[in-house]
C-alpha atoms as a PDB file:
ATOM      1  CA  MET A   1     105.951 154.792 154.512  1.00  0.00           C
ATOM      2  CA  LYS A   2     102.264 154.519 153.404  1.00  0.00           C
ATOM      3  CA  ILE A   3     101.605 151.017 151.710  1.00  0.00           C
ATOM      4  CA  LEU A   4      98.291 150.493 149.750  1.00  0.00           C
ATOM      5  CA  ALA A   5      96.677 147.165 150.968  1.00  0.00           C
ATOM      6  CA  LEU A   6      94.033 145.627 148.284  1.00  0.00           C
ATOM      7  CA  SER A   7      91.746 142.806 149.191  1.00  0.00           C
ATOM      8  CA  GLU A   8      90.326 140.461 146.331  1.00  0.00           C
ATOM      9  CA  LYS A   9      87.253 142.557 146.887  1.00  0.00           C
ATOM     10  CA  ASP A  10      89.056 145.805 146.104  1.00  0.00           C
ATOM     11  CA  MET A  11      90.869 144.213 143.049  1.00  0.00           C
ATOM     12  CA  ARG A  12      87.857 142.671 141.549  1.00  0.00           C
ATOM     13  CA  GLU A  13      85.955 146.137 141.550  1.00  0.00           C
ATOM     14  CA  VAL A  14      88.878 148.157 139.838  1.00  0.00           C
ATOM     15  CA  PHE A  15      90.362 145.438 137.383  1.00  0.00           C
ATOM     16  CA  THR A  16      88.160 143.461 134.963  1.00  0.00           C
ATOM     17  CA  MET A  17      89.115 140.195 133.151  1.00  0.00           C
ATOM     18  CA  LYS A  18      89.767 142.352 129.857  1.00  0.00           C
ATOM     19  CA  ASP A  19      92.116 144.682 131.584  1.00  0.00           C
ATOM     20  CA  ALA A  20      94.103 141.546 133.052  1.00  0.00           C
ATOM     21  CA  ILE A  21      94.169 139.898 129.518  1.00  0.00           C
ATOM     22  CA  GLU A  22      95.640 143.148 127.978  1.00  0.00           C
ATOM     23  CA  ALA A  23      98.115 143.474 130.959  1.00  0.00           C
ATOM     24  CA  ASP A  24      99.065 139.674 130.146  1.00  0.00           C
ATOM     25  CA  LYS A  25      99.655 140.565 126.400  1.00  0.00           C
ATOM     26  CA  ASP A  26     101.789 143.421 127.369  1.00  0.00           C
ATOM     27  CA  ALA A  27     103.761 141.236 129.843  1.00  0.00           C
ATOM     28  CA  LEU A  28     104.429 138.478 127.405  1.00  0.00           C
ATOM     29  CA  ARG A  29     105.464 140.831 124.635  1.00  0.00           C
ATOM     30  CA  LEU A  30     107.854 142.804 126.828  1.00  0.00           C
ATOM     31  CA  TYR A  31     109.518 139.346 128.071  1.00  0.00           C
ATOM     32  CA  THR A  32     110.002 138.094 124.294  1.00  0.00           C
ATOM     33  CA  GLU A  33     111.338 141.397 123.391  1.00  0.00           C
ATOM     34  CA  GLY A  34     114.005 141.346 126.458  1.00  0.00           C
ATOM     35  CA  GLN A  35     112.764 144.376 128.143  1.00  0.00           C
ATOM     36  CA  THR A  36     112.271 142.522 131.494  1.00  0.00           C
ATOM     37  CA  ASN A  37     114.545 141.307 134.228  1.00  0.00           C
ATOM     38  CA  ILE A  38     112.873 138.088 135.789  1.00  0.00           C
ATOM     39  CA  PRO A  39     115.397 135.718 137.661  1.00  0.00           C
ATOM     40  CA  LEU A  40     114.131 132.304 138.108  1.00  0.00           C
ATOM     41  CA  ARG A  41     112.077 131.777 140.976  1.00  0.00           C
ATOM     42  CA  ALA A  42     113.486 130.844 144.558  1.00  0.00           C
ATOM     43  CA  ASN A  43     112.161 127.778 146.488  1.00  0.00           C
ATOM     44  CA  ILE A  44     112.806 127.406 149.982  1.00  0.00           C
ATOM     45  CA  SER A  45     112.032 124.049 151.570  1.00  0.00           C
ATOM     46  CA  VAL A  46     110.529 124.145 155.079  1.00  0.00           C
ATOM     47  CA  PRO A  47     110.656 120.421 156.024  1.00  0.00           C
ATOM     48  CA  GLU A  48     109.752 120.837 159.706  1.00  0.00           C
ATOM     49  CA  HIS A  49     106.337 121.852 158.447  1.00  0.00           C
ATOM     50  CA  SER A  50     106.012 119.789 155.156  1.00  0.00           C
ATOM     51  CA  GLY A  51     106.165 123.181 153.414  1.00  0.00           C
ATOM     52  CA  ASN A  52     107.709 125.063 150.558  1.00  0.00           C
ATOM     53  CA  SER A  53     107.988 128.858 150.333  1.00  0.00           C
ATOM     54  CA  LEU A  54     108.435 130.350 146.915  1.00  0.00           C
ATOM     55  CA  TYR A  55     109.577 133.900 145.609  1.00  0.00           C
ATOM     56  CA  MET A  56     108.673 135.032 142.369  1.00  0.00           C
ATOM     57  CA  TYR A  57     110.307 138.523 141.597  1.00  0.00           C
ATOM     58  CA  GLY A  58     111.568 140.867 138.931  1.00  0.00           C
ATOM     59  CA  TYR A  59     111.521 144.281 137.314  1.00  0.00           C
ATOM     60  CA  VAL A  60     109.593 145.150 134.090  1.00  0.00           C
ATOM     61  CA  ALA A  61     110.952 149.009 133.315  1.00  0.00           C
ATOM     62  CA  PRO A  62     108.328 149.912 130.589  1.00  0.00           C
ATOM     63  CA  ALA A  63     105.676 148.988 132.995  1.00  0.00           C
ATOM     64  CA  ASP A  64     107.150 150.569 136.133  1.00  0.00           C
ATOM     65  CA  ALA A  65     106.771 147.050 137.787  1.00  0.00           C
ATOM     66  CA  LEU A  66     108.980 145.935 140.440  1.00  0.00           C
ATOM     67  CA  GLY A  67     108.172 143.529 143.074  1.00  0.00           C
ATOM     68  CA  VAL A  68     107.857 140.038 144.490  1.00  0.00           C
ATOM     69  CA  LYS A  69     105.050 137.453 145.043  1.00  0.00           C
ATOM     70  CA  LEU A  70     105.243 135.404 147.822  1.00  0.00           C
ATOM     71  CA  VAL A  71     103.692 131.741 147.344  1.00  0.00           C
ATOM     72  CA  SER A  72     103.655 129.002 150.054  1.00  0.00           C
ATOM     73  CA  VAL A  73     102.654 125.427 149.533  1.00  0.00           C
ATOM     74  CA  TYR A  74     101.683 123.787 152.752  1.00  0.00           C
ATOM     75  CA  PRO A  75      99.492 120.965 152.210  1.00  0.00           C
ATOM     76  CA  LYS A  76      98.787 120.469 156.048  1.00  0.00           C
ATOM     77  CA  ASN A  77      97.111 123.788 156.140  1.00  0.00           C
ATOM     78  CA  VAL A  78      94.085 122.099 155.164  1.00  0.00           C
ATOM     79  CA  GLU A  79      93.812 120.310 158.672  1.00  0.00           C
ATOM     80  CA  LYS A  80      93.829 123.877 160.048  1.00  0.00           C
ATOM     81  CA  GLY A  81      91.174 125.181 157.904  1.00  0.00           C
ATOM     82  CA  ILE A  82      93.424 127.757 156.088  1.00  0.00           C
ATOM     83  CA  PRO A  83      94.430 127.779 152.363  1.00  0.00           C
ATOM     84  CA  SER A  84      97.252 125.295 151.329  1.00  0.00           C
ATOM     85  CA  VAL A  85      98.747 127.586 148.977  1.00  0.00           C
ATOM     86  CA  PRO A  86      98.541 131.154 150.384  1.00  0.00           C
ATOM     87  CA  ALA A  87     100.105 134.088 148.462  1.00  0.00           C
ATOM     88  CA  THR A  88     100.815 137.800 148.940  1.00  0.00           C
ATOM     89  CA  MET A  89     101.965 140.397 146.203  1.00  0.00           C
ATOM     90  CA  VAL A  90     104.461 142.895 147.286  1.00  0.00           C
ATOM     91  CA  LEU A  91     104.677 145.861 144.983  1.00  0.00           C
ATOM     92  CA  VAL A  92     107.765 148.089 145.141  1.00  0.00           C
ATOM     93  CA  ASN A  93     107.965 151.792 143.817  1.00  0.00           C
ATOM     94  CA  SER A  94     110.586 151.488 141.402  1.00  0.00           C
ATOM     95  CA  GLU A  95     111.404 155.144 141.677  1.00  0.00           C
ATOM     96  CA  THR A  96     112.065 154.987 145.506  1.00  0.00           C
ATOM     97  CA  GLY A  97     112.405 151.465 146.478  1.00  0.00           C
ATOM     98  CA  GLU A  98     109.741 151.483 149.043  1.00  0.00           C
ATOM     99  CA  VAL A  99     107.015 149.070 149.335  1.00  0.00           C
ATOM    100  CA  CYS A 100     103.982 150.516 147.818  1.00  0.00           C
ATOM    101  CA  SER A 101     101.240 147.917 147.879  1.00  0.00           C
ATOM    102  CA  LEU A 102     100.323 144.433 149.539  1.00  0.00           C
ATOM    103  CA  MET A 103      97.582 142.526 147.512  1.00  0.00           C
ATOM    104  CA  ASN A 104      95.855 139.351 147.587  1.00  0.00           C
ATOM    105  CA  GLY A 105      98.298 137.127 145.783  1.00  0.00           C
ATOM    106  CA  THR A 106      96.025 134.175 145.521  1.00  0.00           C
ATOM    107  CA  TYR A 107      93.527 136.233 143.784  1.00  0.00           C
ATOM    108  CA  LEU A 108      96.233 137.812 141.426  1.00  0.00           C
ATOM    109  CA  THR A 109      97.490 134.334 140.687  1.00  0.00           C
ATOM    110  CA  ALA A 110      94.166 132.914 139.393  1.00  0.00           C
ATOM    111  CA  LEU A 111      93.225 136.307 137.442  1.00  0.00           C
ATOM    112  CA  ARG A 112      96.824 136.238 135.659  1.00  0.00           C
ATOM    113  CA  THR A 113      96.558 132.812 134.768  1.00  0.00           C
ATOM    114  CA  GLY A 114      92.919 132.842 133.390  1.00  0.00           C
ATOM    115  CA  ALA A 115      93.973 135.998 131.626  1.00  0.00           C
ATOM    116  CA  VAL A 116      97.180 134.119 129.809  1.00  0.00           C
ATOM    117  CA  ALA A 117      94.950 131.660 128.463  1.00  0.00           C
ATOM    118  CA  GLY A 118      92.327 134.317 127.498  1.00  0.00           C
ATOM    119  CA  ALA A 119      95.091 136.156 125.707  1.00  0.00           C
ATOM    120  CA  ALA A 120      96.136 133.021 123.938  1.00  0.00           C
ATOM    121  CA  THR A 121      92.691 132.273 122.786  1.00  0.00           C
ATOM    122  CA  ASP A 122      92.099 135.685 121.633  1.00  0.00           C
ATOM    123  CA  VAL A 123      95.147 135.319 119.335  1.00  0.00           C
ATOM    124  CA  LEU A 124      94.732 131.879 118.358  1.00  0.00           C
ATOM    125  CA  ALA A 125      91.500 130.714 118.439  1.00  0.00           C
ATOM    126  CA  ARG A 126      88.886 130.984 115.446  1.00  0.00           C
ATOM    127  CA  GLU A 127      86.896 133.952 115.413  1.00  0.00           C
ATOM    128  CA  ASP A 128      83.635 131.884 114.861  1.00  0.00           C
ATOM    129  CA  SER A 129      84.368 129.846 118.059  1.00  0.00           C
ATOM    130  CA  LYS A 130      80.849 128.906 119.774  1.00  0.00           C
ATOM    131  CA  ILE A 131      81.440 125.961 122.187  1.00  0.00           C
ATOM    132  CA  PHE A 132      83.865 125.733 124.992  1.00  0.00           C
ATOM    133  CA  ALA A 133      85.170 122.627 126.855  1.00  0.00           C
ATOM    134  CA  LEU A 134      86.569 123.161 130.478  1.00  0.00           C
ATOM    135  CA  ILE A 135      88.379 120.305 132.230  1.00  0.00           C
ATOM    136  CA  GLY A 136      88.827 120.953 135.791  1.00  0.00           C
ATOM    137  CA  THR A 137      86.792 122.832 138.219  1.00  0.00           C
ATOM    138  CA  GLY A 138      89.495 123.742 141.060  1.00  0.00           C
ATOM    139  CA  GLY A 139      90.822 127.182 141.960  1.00  0.00           C
ATOM    140  CA  GLN A 140      91.837 128.254 138.480  1.00  0.00           C
ATOM    141  CA  ALA A 141      88.656 127.006 136.787  1.00  0.00           C
ATOM    142  CA  GLU A 142      86.488 130.328 137.259  1.00  0.00           C
ATOM    143  CA  THR A 143      88.978 132.572 135.805  1.00  0.00           C
ATOM    144  CA  GLN A 144      89.816 130.324 132.907  1.00  0.00           C
ATOM    145  CA  LEU A 145      86.010 130.287 132.082  1.00  0.00           C
ATOM    146  CA  GLU A 146      85.562 134.099 132.293  1.00  0.00           C
ATOM    147  CA  ALA A 147      88.853 134.583 130.210  1.00  0.00           C
ATOM    148  CA  VAL A 148      87.462 132.653 127.351  1.00  0.00           C
ATOM    149  CA  LEU A 149      84.187 134.217 127.641  1.00  0.00           C
ATOM    150  CA  ALA A 150      85.591 137.742 127.428  1.00  0.00           C
ATOM    151  CA  VAL A 151      87.376 137.307 124.038  1.00  0.00           C
ATOM    152  CA  ARG A 152      84.892 135.032 122.057  1.00  0.00           C
ATOM    153  CA  ASP A 153      81.369 134.865 121.752  1.00  0.00           C
ATOM    154  CA  ILE A 154      80.626 131.611 123.274  1.00  0.00           C
ATOM    155  CA  GLU A 155      77.224 129.861 123.482  1.00  0.00           C
ATOM    156  CA  LEU A 156      77.652 126.623 125.216  1.00  0.00           C
ATOM    157  CA  VAL A 157      80.154 125.902 127.898  1.00  0.00           C
ATOM    158  CA  LYS A 158      80.589 122.093 128.697  1.00  0.00           C
ATOM    159  CA  VAL A 159      82.402 121.422 132.159  1.00  0.00           C
ATOM    160  CA  TYR A 160      83.975 118.436 133.182  1.00  0.00           C
ATOM    161  CA  SER A 161      85.694 117.147 136.465  1.00  0.00           C
ATOM    162  CA  ARG A 162      85.891 113.572 137.957  1.00  0.00           C
ATOM    163  CA  ASN A 163      83.827 114.612 140.990  1.00  0.00           C
ATOM    164  CA  ARG A 164      80.159 114.657 140.055  1.00  0.00           C
ATOM    165  CA  GLU A 165      79.269 117.108 142.878  1.00  0.00           C
ATOM    166  CA  ARG A 166      81.946 119.404 142.432  1.00  0.00           C
ATOM    167  CA  ARG A 167      81.360 119.820 138.755  1.00  0.00           C
ATOM    168  CA  GLU A 168      77.512 120.222 139.449  1.00  0.00           C
ATOM    169  CA  ALA A 169      78.342 122.829 142.063  1.00  0.00           C
ATOM    170  CA  PHE A 170      80.574 124.692 139.893  1.00  0.00           C
ATOM    171  CA  VAL A 171      78.362 124.748 136.872  1.00  0.00           C
ATOM    172  CA  ALA A 172      75.555 125.898 138.965  1.00  0.00           C
ATOM    173  CA  LYS A 173      77.820 128.839 140.484  1.00  0.00           C
ATOM    174  CA  MET A 174      79.168 129.819 137.270  1.00  0.00           C
ATOM    175  CA  ASN A 175      75.552 130.253 135.601  1.00  0.00           C
ATOM    176  CA  ASP A 176      74.816 132.251 138.494  1.00  0.00           C
ATOM    177  CA  LEU A 177      77.630 134.559 137.695  1.00  0.00           C
ATOM    178  CA  TYR A 178      78.030 134.398 134.046  1.00  0.00           C
ATOM    179  CA  ALA A 179      75.185 133.068 132.101  1.00  0.00           C
ATOM    180  CA  GLU A 180      73.248 136.370 132.092  1.00  0.00           C
ATOM    181  CA  LYS A 181      76.356 138.587 131.753  1.00  0.00           C
ATOM    182  CA  TYR A 182      77.704 136.829 128.696  1.00  0.00           C
ATOM    183  CA  GLY A 183      74.643 135.285 127.263  1.00  0.00           C
ATOM    184  CA  VAL A 184      76.029 131.642 127.686  1.00  0.00           C
ATOM    185  CA  LYS A 185      74.647 128.167 128.750  1.00  0.00           C
ATOM    186  CA  ILE A 186      76.973 126.585 130.918  1.00  0.00           C
ATOM    187  CA  VAL A 187      76.378 122.713 131.467  1.00  0.00           C
ATOM    188  CA  ALA A 188      78.037 119.744 133.250  1.00  0.00           C
ATOM    189  CA  ALA A 189      79.389 116.849 131.098  1.00  0.00           C
ATOM    190  CA  GLU A 190      79.270 113.192 132.174  1.00  0.00           C
ATOM    191  CA  SER A 191      82.706 112.484 130.699  1.00  0.00           C
ATOM    192  CA  SER A 192      85.692 114.351 129.047  1.00  0.00           C
ATOM    193  CA  ASP A 193      84.736 113.008 125.754  1.00  0.00           C
ATOM    194  CA  GLU A 194      81.346 114.429 126.088  1.00  0.00           C
ATOM    195  CA  ALA A 195      82.969 117.764 126.911  1.00  0.00           C
ATOM    196  CA  VAL A 196      85.512 118.164 124.290  1.00  0.00           C
ATOM    197  CA  ALA A 197      83.129 116.704 121.590  1.00  0.00           C
ATOM    198  CA  ASP A 198      82.692 119.581 119.052  1.00  0.00           C
ATOM    199  CA  ALA A 199      84.315 121.904 121.186  1.00  0.00           C
ATOM    200  CA  ASP A 200      86.073 125.079 119.310  1.00  0.00           C
ATOM    201  CA  ILE A 201      88.263 125.917 122.348  1.00  0.00           C
ATOM    202  CA  ILE A 202      89.355 123.475 125.097  1.00  0.00           C
ATOM    203  CA  SER A 203      91.068 124.536 128.373  1.00  0.00           C
ATOM    204  CA  ALA A 204      92.637 122.097 130.920  1.00  0.00           C
ATOM    205  CA  CYS A 205      93.476 123.210 134.409  1.00  0.00           C
ATOM    206  CA  THR A 206      94.317 119.914 136.235  1.00  0.00           C
ATOM    207  CA  THR A 207      97.315 118.540 138.046  1.00  0.00           C
ATOM    208  CA  ALA A 208      96.917 115.225 136.216  1.00  0.00           C
ATOM    209  CA  ASN A 209      99.825 113.123 135.236  1.00  0.00           C
ATOM    210  CA  GLU A 210      98.200 111.710 132.354  1.00  0.00           C
ATOM    211  CA  ALA A 211      95.959 112.935 129.271  1.00  0.00           C
ATOM    212  CA  VAL A 212      92.507 114.350 130.696  1.00  0.00           C
ATOM    213  CA  PHE A 213      90.932 113.784 127.233  1.00  0.00           C
ATOM    214  CA  ASP A 214      91.297 111.899 124.143  1.00  0.00           C
ATOM    215  CA  ALA A 215      92.922 113.571 121.202  1.00  0.00           C
ATOM    216  CA  ASP A 216      90.929 111.584 118.778  1.00  0.00           C
ATOM    217  CA  LYS A 217      87.697 113.090 119.972  1.00  0.00           C
ATOM    218  CA  ILE A 218      88.475 116.707 119.159  1.00  0.00           C
ATOM    219  CA  LYS A 219      87.782 118.944 116.512  1.00  0.00           C
ATOM    220  CA  LYS A 220      90.689 119.068 114.109  1.00  0.00           C
ATOM    221  CA  ASN A 221      90.665 123.010 113.880  1.00  0.00           C
ATOM    222  CA  ALA A 222      89.938 123.475 117.861  1.00  0.00           C
ATOM    223  CA  HIS A 223      92.286 125.715 119.948  1.00  0.00           C
ATOM    224  CA  ILE A 224      93.761 124.087 123.212  1.00  0.00           C
ATOM    225  CA  ASN A 225      94.904 125.523 126.501  1.00  0.00           C
ATOM    226  CA  GLY A 226      97.104 123.615 128.878  1.00  0.00           C
ATOM    227  CA  VAL A 227      97.420 125.473 132.039  1.00  0.00           C
ATOM    228  CA  GLY A 228      97.517 123.080 134.788  1.00  0.00           C
ATOM    229  CA  SER A 229     100.796 121.269 134.462  1.00  0.00           C
ATOM    230  CA  TYR A 230     103.861 122.781 136.347  1.00  0.00           C
ATOM    231  CA  THR A 231     106.487 119.821 136.608  1.00  0.00           C
ATOM    232  CA  PRO A 232     107.915 117.277 134.365  1.00  0.00           C
ATOM    233  CA  ASP A 233     105.658 114.446 135.721  1.00  0.00           C
ATOM    234  CA  MET A 234     102.426 116.413 134.799  1.00  0.00           C
ATOM    235  CA  ALA A 235     100.989 115.868 131.211  1.00  0.00           C
ATOM    236  CA  GLU A 236      97.178 116.639 131.356  1.00  0.00           C
ATOM    237  CA  ILE A 237      97.233 117.285 127.409  1.00  0.00           C
ATOM    238  CA  PRO A 238      97.368 114.091 124.988  1.00  0.00           C
ATOM    239  CA  GLU A 239     100.409 113.558 122.895  1.00  0.00           C
ATOM    240  CA  GLY A 240      98.294 113.270 120.015  1.00  0.00           C
ATOM    241  CA  VAL A 241      97.809 117.088 120.317  1.00  0.00           C
ATOM    242  CA  ILE A 242     101.037 117.851 120.786  1.00  0.00           C
ATOM    243  CA  THR A 243     102.097 115.974 117.233  1.00  0.00           C
ATOM    244  CA  SER A 244      99.406 117.190 115.311  1.00  0.00           C
ATOM    245  CA  ALA A 245      99.132 120.844 116.309  1.00  0.00           C
ATOM    246  CA  ALA A 246      99.926 123.106 113.467  1.00  0.00           C
ATOM    247  CA  GLY A 247     101.310 125.653 116.078  1.00  0.00           C
ATOM    248  CA  ILE A 248     102.717 125.375 119.662  1.00  0.00           C
ATOM    249  CA  TYR A 249     102.761 128.343 121.682  1.00  0.00           C
ATOM    250  CA  VAL A 250     103.919 128.828 125.164  1.00  0.00           C
ATOM    251  CA  ASP A 251     104.230 131.804 127.748  1.00  0.00           C
ATOM    252  CA  THR A 252     107.703 131.425 128.149  1.00  0.00           C
ATOM    253  CA  ALA A 253     109.831 128.928 126.504  1.00  0.00           C
ATOM    254  CA  GLU A 254     112.429 128.710 129.564  1.00  0.00           C
ATOM    255  CA  GLY A 255     109.558 127.800 131.973  1.00  0.00           C
ATOM    256  CA  VAL A 256     107.809 125.710 129.874  1.00  0.00           C
ATOM    257  CA  LEU A 257     110.422 123.372 128.514  1.00  0.00           C
ATOM    258  CA  ALA A 258     111.770 123.076 132.030  1.00  0.00           C
ATOM    259  CA  GLU A 259     108.542 122.326 133.719  1.00  0.00           C
ATOM    260  CA  ALA A 260     105.483 121.132 131.558  1.00  0.00           C
ATOM    261  CA  GLY A 261     105.759 117.434 131.236  1.00  0.00           C
ATOM    262  CA  GLU A 262     103.307 117.339 128.320  1.00  0.00           C
ATOM    263  CA  LEU A 263     105.996 119.072 126.186  1.00  0.00           C
ATOM    264  CA  ILE A 264     109.130 117.595 128.073  1.00  0.00           C
ATOM    265  CA  ASN A 265     108.101 114.033 127.184  1.00  0.00           C
ATOM    266  CA  PRO A 266     107.364 114.282 123.580  1.00  0.00           C
ATOM    267  CA  ILE A 267     110.438 116.370 123.008  1.00  0.00           C
ATOM    268  CA  LYS A 268     112.540 113.632 124.596  1.00  0.00           C
ATOM    269  CA  LYS A 269     110.857 111.142 122.319  1.00  0.00           C
ATOM    270  CA  GLY A 270     111.705 113.083 119.227  1.00  0.00           C
ATOM    271  CA  LEU A 271     108.160 113.567 118.300  1.00  0.00           C
ATOM    272  CA  VAL A 272     108.325 117.424 118.242  1.00  0.00           C
ATOM    273  CA  LYS A 273     111.548 119.782 118.606  1.00  0.00           C
ATOM    274  CA  GLU A 274     111.949 122.519 121.121  1.00  0.00           C
ATOM    275  CA  GLU A 275     112.439 125.188 118.371  1.00  0.00           C
ATOM    276  CA  SER A 276     108.603 124.334 117.382  1.00  0.00           C
ATOM    277  CA  CYS A 277     107.689 126.067 120.574  1.00  0.00           C
ATOM    278  CA  ILE A 278     106.674 129.712 119.923  1.00  0.00           C
ATOM    279  CA  GLU A 279     106.454 132.174 122.784  1.00  0.00           C
ATOM    280  CA  LEU A 280     103.157 134.053 122.323  1.00  0.00           C
ATOM    281  CA  GLY A 281     104.964 137.345 123.133  1.00  0.00           C
ATOM    282  CA  ALA A 282     106.636 136.753 119.550  1.00  0.00           C
ATOM    283  CA  VAL A 283     103.288 136.548 117.882  1.00  0.00           C
ATOM    284  CA  LEU A 284     102.096 139.625 119.753  1.00  0.00           C
ATOM    285  CA  ALA A 285     105.075 141.474 118.764  1.00  0.00           C
ATOM    286  CA  GLY A 286     104.823 140.731 115.284  1.00  0.00           C
ATOM    287  CA  LYS A 287     107.852 138.465 115.038  1.00  0.00           C
ATOM    288  CA  ALA A 288     105.933 135.040 114.627  1.00  0.00           C
ATOM    289  CA  GLU A 289     102.839 133.761 113.083  1.00  0.00           C
ATOM    290  CA  GLY A 290      99.810 132.722 114.936  1.00  0.00           C
ATOM    291  CA  ARG A 291      97.118 130.598 113.414  1.00  0.00           C
ATOM    292  CA  LYS A 292      97.811 130.518 109.651  1.00  0.00           C
ATOM    293  CA  SER A 293      94.643 128.690 108.561  1.00  0.00           C
ATOM    294  CA  TYR A 294      91.004 128.102 109.664  1.00  0.00           C
ATOM    295  CA  ASP A 295      91.754 124.573 109.633  1.00  0.00           C
ATOM    296  CA  ASP A 296      94.611 124.676 111.882  1.00  0.00           C
ATOM    297  CA  LEU A 297      94.820 122.849 115.319  1.00  0.00           C
ATOM    298  CA  THR A 298      96.580 125.371 117.976  1.00  0.00           C
ATOM    299  CA  PHE A 299      97.837 124.529 121.324  1.00  0.00           C
ATOM    300  CA  PHE A 300      99.095 127.030 124.007  1.00  0.00           C
ATOM    301  CA  ASP A 301     101.011 125.729 127.059  1.00  0.00           C
ATOM    302  CA  SER A 302     101.473 127.973 130.340  1.00  0.00           C
ATOM    303  CA  VAL A 303     103.316 127.202 133.507  1.00  0.00           C
ATOM    304  CA  GLY A 304     103.086 130.885 134.624  1.00  0.00           C
ATOM    305  CA  CYS A 305     105.898 133.427 135.061  1.00  0.00           C
ATOM    306  CA  ALA A 306     106.551 136.439 137.730  1.00  0.00           C
ATOM    307  CA  VAL A 307     106.192 138.884 134.728  1.00  0.00           C
ATOM    308  CA  LEU A 308     102.595 138.273 134.642  1.00  0.00           C
ATOM    309  CA  ASP A 309     102.104 138.857 138.275  1.00  0.00           C
ATOM    310  CA  LEU A 310     104.159 142.108 138.023  1.00  0.00           C
ATOM    311  CA  VAL A 311     102.561 143.857 135.306  1.00  0.00           C
ATOM    312  CA  THR A 312      99.045 142.808 136.275  1.00  0.00           C
ATOM    313  CA  ALA A 313      99.806 143.764 139.902  1.00  0.00           C
ATOM    314  CA  GLN A 314     101.278 147.246 138.714  1.00  0.00           C
ATOM    315  CA  ARG A 315      98.257 148.045 136.535  1.00  0.00           C
ATOM    316  CA  ILE A 316      95.650 147.000 139.416  1.00  0.00           C
ATOM    317  CA  TYR A 317      97.750 149.353 141.748  1.00  0.00           C
ATOM    318  CA  GLU A 318      97.501 152.206 139.315  1.00  0.00           C
ATOM    319  CA  LYS A 319      93.809 151.773 139.097  1.00  0.00           C
ATOM    320  CA  ALA A 320      93.126 151.568 142.675  1.00  0.00           C
ATOM    321  CA  VAL A 321      95.164 154.493 143.428  1.00  0.00           C
ATOM    322  CA  ALA A 322      93.243 156.611 140.836  1.00  0.00           C
ATOM    323  CA  LYS A 323      89.743 155.289 142.242  1.00  0.00           C
ATOM    324  CA  GLY A 324      90.695 155.865 145.902  1.00  0.00           C
ATOM    325  CA  MET A 325      90.412 152.096 146.547  1.00  0.00           C
ATOM    326  CA  GLY A 326      91.976 150.018 149.287  1.00  0.00           C
ATOM    327  CA  GLN A 327      93.093 150.534 152.872  1.00  0.00           C
ATOM    328  CA  ILE A 328      96.145 152.725 153.562  1.00  0.00           C
ATOM    329  CA  ILE A 329      98.667 151.195 156.120  1.00  0.00           C
ATOM    330  CA  GLU A 330     101.454 153.636 157.714  1.00  0.00           C
ATOM    331  CA  LEU A 331     104.746 151.919 158.798  1.00  0.00           C
END
């Protein structure tokens, strides 16, 4: 059996952010249309090593995508100088059942997570959006930034995180990578209020348990992406956004309504209804409306889903095969 091993470098060379955004759009549309088989992820506790091992798997027949992403959460790995959230994607040939590819799951996760916010921004944000605010500078931040730059003609990006050194280092790196490529100016903001003021698009990618910006400071026709919260205790988006949004959109209703605290809590309080949350895939499939008015405030919430990994990974694999990229392992 021959297996194609793909590093982050290989994946970056064969697959662009725009490719990933289109892959995520297709994945969400197929999910909403019921053309996927995506079981709930399995989570195995490893208490002896203070870890958890998660398995995100499924099958997307129209995309020929079958496989499993293995993600572990081992906080003590930091003490060993290795990643605390290592991940590997195992792709399976849907015709033969043989493993056909192994790829860097950490980069895949960052890529598809950035791309899904890019997809939402492309569908929901105003076409004339020029100012983008990014809250958070962790592992997901770079792809969140590039995804928005890939779908809108942004002139100014304002970045905020609580750690001054990290945000300034992040801004310097992002300017090196994207300032010339996209013709954009990227600056560090001294506060979240400064970051979101006048922003047409706002993306939050933090693990905060409370709102990371003030809803009263944002433009009333902005588009907002919430991609950091993935447990009921996390709530990086202020309730004021949820209650005033003309449209609330999610990657998968099942996932977001079970895991995203910023939506779970307002629903429990009766401030919004579950049925107000529309899957982005329904908009992509022409079964629901996106932005209805120039003056609308729109909100997209994502907790991630294996369907995004599967379709994106399969597309990467196909491009890598076509371009002769990667390393063959024989078992």
